[in-house]
Protein backbone atom coordinates (compact mmCIF):
# COMPACT_ATOMS: atom_id res chain seq x y z
CA LEU A 1 113.42 47.29 153.25
CA LYS A 2 111.41 49.21 155.79
CA ALA A 3 113.02 52.50 154.70
CA ALA A 4 112.22 51.70 151.07
CA LYS A 5 108.56 51.05 151.97
CA GLU A 6 108.41 54.35 153.85
CA ALA A 7 109.98 56.15 150.90
CA VAL A 8 107.42 54.60 148.52
CA GLU A 9 104.56 55.62 150.86
CA ILE A 10 105.93 59.18 151.08
CA ALA A 11 106.26 59.33 147.29
CA GLN A 12 102.71 58.00 146.84
CA LEU A 13 101.38 60.56 149.34
CA GLU A 14 103.28 63.36 147.58
CA THR A 15 102.01 62.16 144.18
CA TYR A 16 98.45 62.14 145.52
CA ARG A 17 98.82 65.70 146.89
CA LEU A 18 100.29 66.98 143.62
CA GLY A 19 97.52 65.23 141.66
CA ARG A 20 94.88 66.89 143.85
CA LYS A 21 96.58 70.25 143.45
CA LEU A 22 96.65 69.74 139.67
CA GLU A 23 92.95 68.85 139.65
CA THR A 24 92.02 71.96 141.65
CA THR A 25 94.13 74.14 139.37
CA ILE A 26 92.45 72.64 136.30
CA GLU A 27 89.03 73.15 137.88
CA GLU A 28 89.91 76.79 138.56
CA LEU A 29 90.99 77.29 134.97
CA GLU A 30 87.99 75.50 133.51
CA GLY A 31 85.44 76.87 135.95
CA ASP A 32 83.59 80.11 135.32
CA ASN A 33 84.77 81.67 138.56
CA GLY A 34 88.45 80.88 138.19
CA ALA A 35 90.53 83.91 138.99
CA ARG A 36 93.31 82.62 136.82
CA LYS A 37 90.95 82.16 133.90
CA LYS A 38 89.72 85.73 134.31
CA ALA A 39 93.28 86.98 134.39
CA LEU A 40 94.11 85.03 131.24
CA LEU A 41 91.02 86.39 129.48
CA ILE A 42 91.94 89.93 130.48
CA GLU A 43 95.50 89.36 129.27
CA MET A 44 94.21 88.03 125.95
CA LYS A 45 91.93 91.04 125.56
CA LEU A 46 94.83 93.33 126.41
CA ASP A 47 96.95 91.65 123.74
CA ASP A 48 94.14 92.06 121.19
CA VAL A 49 93.70 95.74 122.06
CA THR A 50 97.45 96.29 121.93
CA LYS A 51 97.66 94.71 118.47
CA ALA A 52 94.70 96.78 117.27
CA CYS A 53 96.35 99.96 118.60
CA GLU A 54 99.64 99.07 116.91
CA GLN A 55 97.81 98.57 113.61
CA LEU A 56 95.94 101.84 114.07
CA LEU A 57 99.16 103.70 114.85
CA ALA A 58 100.85 102.17 111.80
CA SER A 59 98.00 103.27 109.55
CA LYS A 60 97.99 106.77 111.09
CA ASP A 61 101.77 107.02 110.59
CA LYS A 62 101.30 106.07 106.95
CA GLU A 63 98.49 108.62 106.63
CA ILE A 64 100.64 111.35 108.19
CA ALA A 65 103.50 110.54 105.81
CA GLU A 66 101.12 110.79 102.83
CA LYS A 67 99.68 114.10 104.07
CA THR A 68 103.17 115.47 104.65
CA GLY A 69 104.09 114.55 101.08
CA ILE A 70 100.98 116.28 99.76
CA ILE A 71 101.71 119.41 101.79
CA THR A 72 105.32 119.46 100.58
CA ARG A 73 104.23 119.18 96.94
CA LEU A 74 101.65 121.96 97.42
CA GLN A 75 104.21 124.22 99.05
CA ARG A 76 106.61 123.59 96.16
CA ARG A 77 103.87 124.45 93.64
CA VAL A 78 102.98 127.64 95.52
CA HIS A 79 106.66 128.62 95.69
CA ASP A 80 107.14 128.00 91.96
CA ALA A 81 103.97 129.92 91.10
CA THR A 82 105.09 132.82 93.30
CA GLU A 83 108.47 132.95 91.59
CA ASN A 84 106.76 132.84 88.18
CA TYR A 85 104.39 135.68 89.08
CA GLU A 86 107.27 137.75 90.45
CA SER A 87 109.22 137.34 87.22
CA LEU A 88 106.11 138.25 85.19
CA ASP A 89 105.63 141.31 87.40
CA LYS A 90 109.24 142.42 86.82
CA GLU A 91 108.87 141.89 83.09
CA TRP A 92 105.63 143.90 83.10
CA ASP A 93 107.28 146.72 85.03
CA THR A 94 110.14 146.78 82.51
CA ARG A 95 107.71 146.94 79.60
CA VAL A 96 105.72 149.72 81.26
CA ARG A 97 108.89 151.74 81.88
CA VAL A 98 109.95 151.33 78.23
CA LYS A 99 106.48 152.35 77.11
CA GLU A 100 106.47 155.37 79.45
CA SER A 101 109.90 156.49 78.24
CA GLY A 102 108.70 156.10 74.63
CA TYR A 103 105.59 158.09 75.46
CA LEU A 104 107.63 160.80 77.11
CA LYS A 105 109.89 160.96 74.03
CA VAL A 106 106.86 161.23 71.75
CA VAL A 107 105.41 163.99 73.94
CA ALA A 108 108.77 165.80 73.91
CA ASP A 109 109.02 165.48 70.11
CA LEU A 110 105.46 166.75 69.80
CA LYS A 111 106.23 169.77 71.98
CA TYR A 112 109.36 170.42 69.95
CA ALA A 113 107.39 170.17 66.69
CA GLU A 114 104.69 172.47 68.09
CA GLY A 115 107.43 174.92 69.10
CA GLN A 116 108.87 174.88 65.58
CA ILE A 117 105.42 175.35 64.04
CA GLU A 118 104.85 178.31 66.31
CA GLU A 119 108.23 179.73 65.29
CA GLU A 120 107.47 179.40 61.58
CA ARG A 121 104.25 181.28 61.91
């Protein structure tokens, strides 16, 4: 019986100490100067900043993907236009060569005709 009474007293003393420790911890958390409260506030702010940065990075990634798509489309248009202009340039050169050869033939025929006229005189 005596050992049981001592055990109860020890348990009551331990309960009292734990209760006091709990009260001081709560006071630290609820008080303005609680180091733990400051740490929790800093951690919450860090979480908020981290989330904001993640959102910002996600929007920037989306923006970069859109800009990359725009650049790719513009490069394709420039490439197609360049090919088109090159084919037009080749066609123009061909036409000019045909025209020059026709001109040279006309000039040669004219010289021949002039030569025959000179001969007939």
